Every structure is written in structure tokens, then in C-alpha cells.
Amino acid sequence: MTNQHGSVPDVDGRVLVTDSVSPKSYGVAVALSMIFGIMGIHHFYIGNWLHGLAGLGMFIGGILCLSSGDQAVQSFGLILLLADAGHTVYVTYRLFVGECRDGDGLIIAYPGQFK
């Protein structure tokens, strides 16, 4: 699928030069997202530090809120954790279909994506 200029169509319809594929391991990124996703650990691995801090903060905040005695605060904690889980499912899906980018804007390609 590579043309004469060493580029392939991107998932967004743009032309993607094969040099713009991330050196990050697809398998490691998917495993971290599936196992530790709700904590945001996969974001730290792929170089999206702010997303990682937000995910970790939502996880810690959700757990702390759930452990409080106030029902309203516990409800807020549940909402935080559900939002974090939804975000994790979305990022994992984007990894599966080859649309996720690392902190440098490079595609984290699944094996054989750009052959």
C-alpha cells in the first residue's frame, strides 16, 4: 500500500510518511491500556503525560470519593470512575484500529498496518 514516495494513506485521509510511525510497542500499549487503563498508565508509556496525569487523578479521586461517608461524594466518585473507564475503552479502541498517536503525534501502528 506504500506509494513511490514511501508514504501510505493515514486513517484520517492524510498521507502518512512511514517515518511517522511511533517506535512505541503496539503490544505493550494495548496491554497497559487493557490492564491498567483506568489508572492512565498507558498514557505515560506512549508519552501523553497530561492525559496520564488526568487519568491517574480521576482514578485516585474516584477511589477517595467512594471511600467517603457522604452519599453525594460517593456518587461523584462513581461518576469519575465511569468517565475514566469510558475514556479507557475509547483509547483502547483507537489502539485496536490503529488510530492512536503517541506524545510526538506518531501513529502507534499495529503489526502489518502499513505493509
Protein backbone atom coordinates (compact mmCIF):
# COMPACT_ATOMS: atom_id res chain seq x y z
CA MET A 1 0.00 0.00 0.00
CA THR A 2 3.10 2.24 0.02
CA ASN A 3 3.39 4.58 -2.96
CA GLN A 4 6.60 5.66 -4.75
CA HIS A 5 7.30 8.37 -2.16
CA GLY A 6 7.35 5.96 0.82
CA SER A 7 4.02 7.12 2.16
CA VAL A 8 0.70 5.49 2.88
CA PRO A 9 -2.80 6.92 3.44
CA ASP A 10 -3.44 7.82 7.07
CA VAL A 11 -6.56 6.79 8.97
CA ASP A 12 -7.70 10.42 8.74
CA GLY A 13 -7.28 10.50 4.94
CA ARG A 14 -3.97 12.37 5.10
CA VAL A 15 -0.79 10.99 3.64
CA LEU A 16 1.37 9.34 6.27
CA VAL A 17 5.10 9.04 5.70
CA THR A 18 6.30 5.70 7.02
CA ASP A 19 8.86 7.57 9.14
CA SER A 20 5.94 8.93 11.17
CA VAL A 21 5.15 5.57 12.78
CA SER A 22 5.82 5.54 16.52
CA PRO A 23 8.65 3.45 17.92
CA LYS A 24 6.36 2.56 20.86
CA SER A 25 5.36 -1.08 21.01
CA TYR A 26 1.76 -1.71 19.97
CA GLY A 27 1.55 -4.81 22.18
CA VAL A 28 2.83 -3.01 25.28
CA ALA A 29 0.48 -0.06 24.70
CA VAL A 30 -2.55 -2.34 24.29
CA ALA A 31 -1.61 -4.49 27.30
CA LEU A 32 -1.13 -1.45 29.53
CA SER A 33 -4.39 0.04 28.32
CA MET A 34 -6.34 -3.15 28.97
CA ILE A 35 -4.77 -3.98 32.34
CA PHE A 36 -4.04 -0.59 33.91
CA GLY A 37 -6.14 1.62 31.64
CA ILE A 38 -8.39 3.13 34.27
CA MET A 39 -5.26 4.40 36.05
CA GLY A 40 -3.92 6.05 32.87
CA ILE A 41 -0.62 4.12 32.90
CA HIS A 42 -0.75 3.55 29.12
CA HIS A 43 -0.73 7.32 28.57
CA PHE A 44 2.58 7.62 30.41
CA TYR A 45 4.05 4.84 28.25
CA ILE A 46 3.00 6.42 24.95
CA GLY A 47 4.18 9.86 26.05
CA ASN A 48 0.86 11.61 26.67
CA TRP A 49 1.81 12.84 30.14
CA LEU A 50 -1.11 15.21 30.67
CA HIS A 51 -3.63 12.51 29.77
CA GLY A 52 -1.79 10.16 32.12
CA LEU A 53 -1.96 12.63 34.99
CA ALA A 54 -5.64 13.29 34.31
CA GLY A 55 -6.43 9.55 34.23
CA LEU A 56 -4.46 8.86 37.39
CA GLY A 57 -6.06 11.84 39.12
CA MET A 58 -9.56 10.71 38.15
CA PHE A 59 -8.81 7.21 39.42
CA ILE A 60 -7.39 8.38 42.75
CA GLY A 61 -10.14 10.98 43.15
CA GLY A 62 -12.83 8.43 42.36
CA ILE A 63 -11.47 5.94 44.89
CA LEU A 64 -11.14 8.62 47.58
CA CYS A 65 -14.69 9.84 46.93
CA LEU A 66 -16.08 6.30 47.06
CA SER A 67 -14.42 5.77 50.44
CA SER A 68 -16.08 8.84 51.98
CA GLY A 69 -19.19 8.55 54.11
CA ASP A 70 -21.24 11.10 52.19
CA GLN A 71 -23.55 9.63 49.55
CA ALA A 72 -23.28 12.68 47.26
CA VAL A 73 -19.48 12.48 47.31
CA GLN A 74 -19.65 8.73 46.67
CA SER A 75 -21.90 9.38 43.66
CA PHE A 76 -19.38 11.87 42.31
CA GLY A 77 -16.62 9.29 42.76
CA LEU A 78 -18.63 6.75 40.81
CA ILE A 79 -19.15 9.28 38.02
CA LEU A 80 -15.40 9.96 37.93
CA LEU A 81 -14.58 6.27 37.67
CA LEU A 82 -17.22 5.65 34.98
CA ALA A 83 -15.93 8.59 32.92
CA ASP A 84 -12.38 7.29 33.30
CA ALA A 85 -13.47 3.78 32.27
CA GLY A 86 -15.27 5.17 29.22
CA HIS A 87 -12.16 7.07 28.21
CA THR A 88 -10.09 3.90 28.61
CA VAL A 89 -12.43 1.95 26.34
CA TYR A 90 -12.19 4.73 23.74
CA VAL A 91 -8.37 4.84 23.81
CA THR A 92 -8.14 1.04 23.67
CA TYR A 93 -10.46 1.02 20.64
CA ARG A 94 -8.27 3.64 18.93
CA LEU A 95 -5.23 1.44 19.62
CA PHE A 96 -7.01 -1.61 18.16
CA VAL A 97 -7.88 0.17 14.92
CA GLY A 98 -4.51 1.90 14.55
CA GLU A 99 -5.66 5.48 15.11
CA CYS A 100 -3.91 6.22 18.43
CA ARG A 101 -0.95 8.60 18.41
CA ASP A 102 1.90 8.89 20.86
CA GLY A 103 3.10 12.07 22.58
CA ASP A 104 5.03 13.09 19.45
CA GLY A 105 1.98 12.73 17.20
CA LEU A 106 3.20 9.48 15.61
CA ILE A 107 0.80 6.61 14.88
CA ILE A 108 1.16 3.58 17.17
CA ALA A 109 0.80 1.06 14.35
CA TYR A 110 -0.47 -2.46 14.85
CA PRO A 111 1.64 -5.20 13.26
CA GLY A 112 1.20 -5.15 9.49
CA GLN A 113 -0.77 -1.90 9.42
CA PHE A 114 1.44 -0.22 6.82
CA LYS A 115 2.67 -3.07 4.67
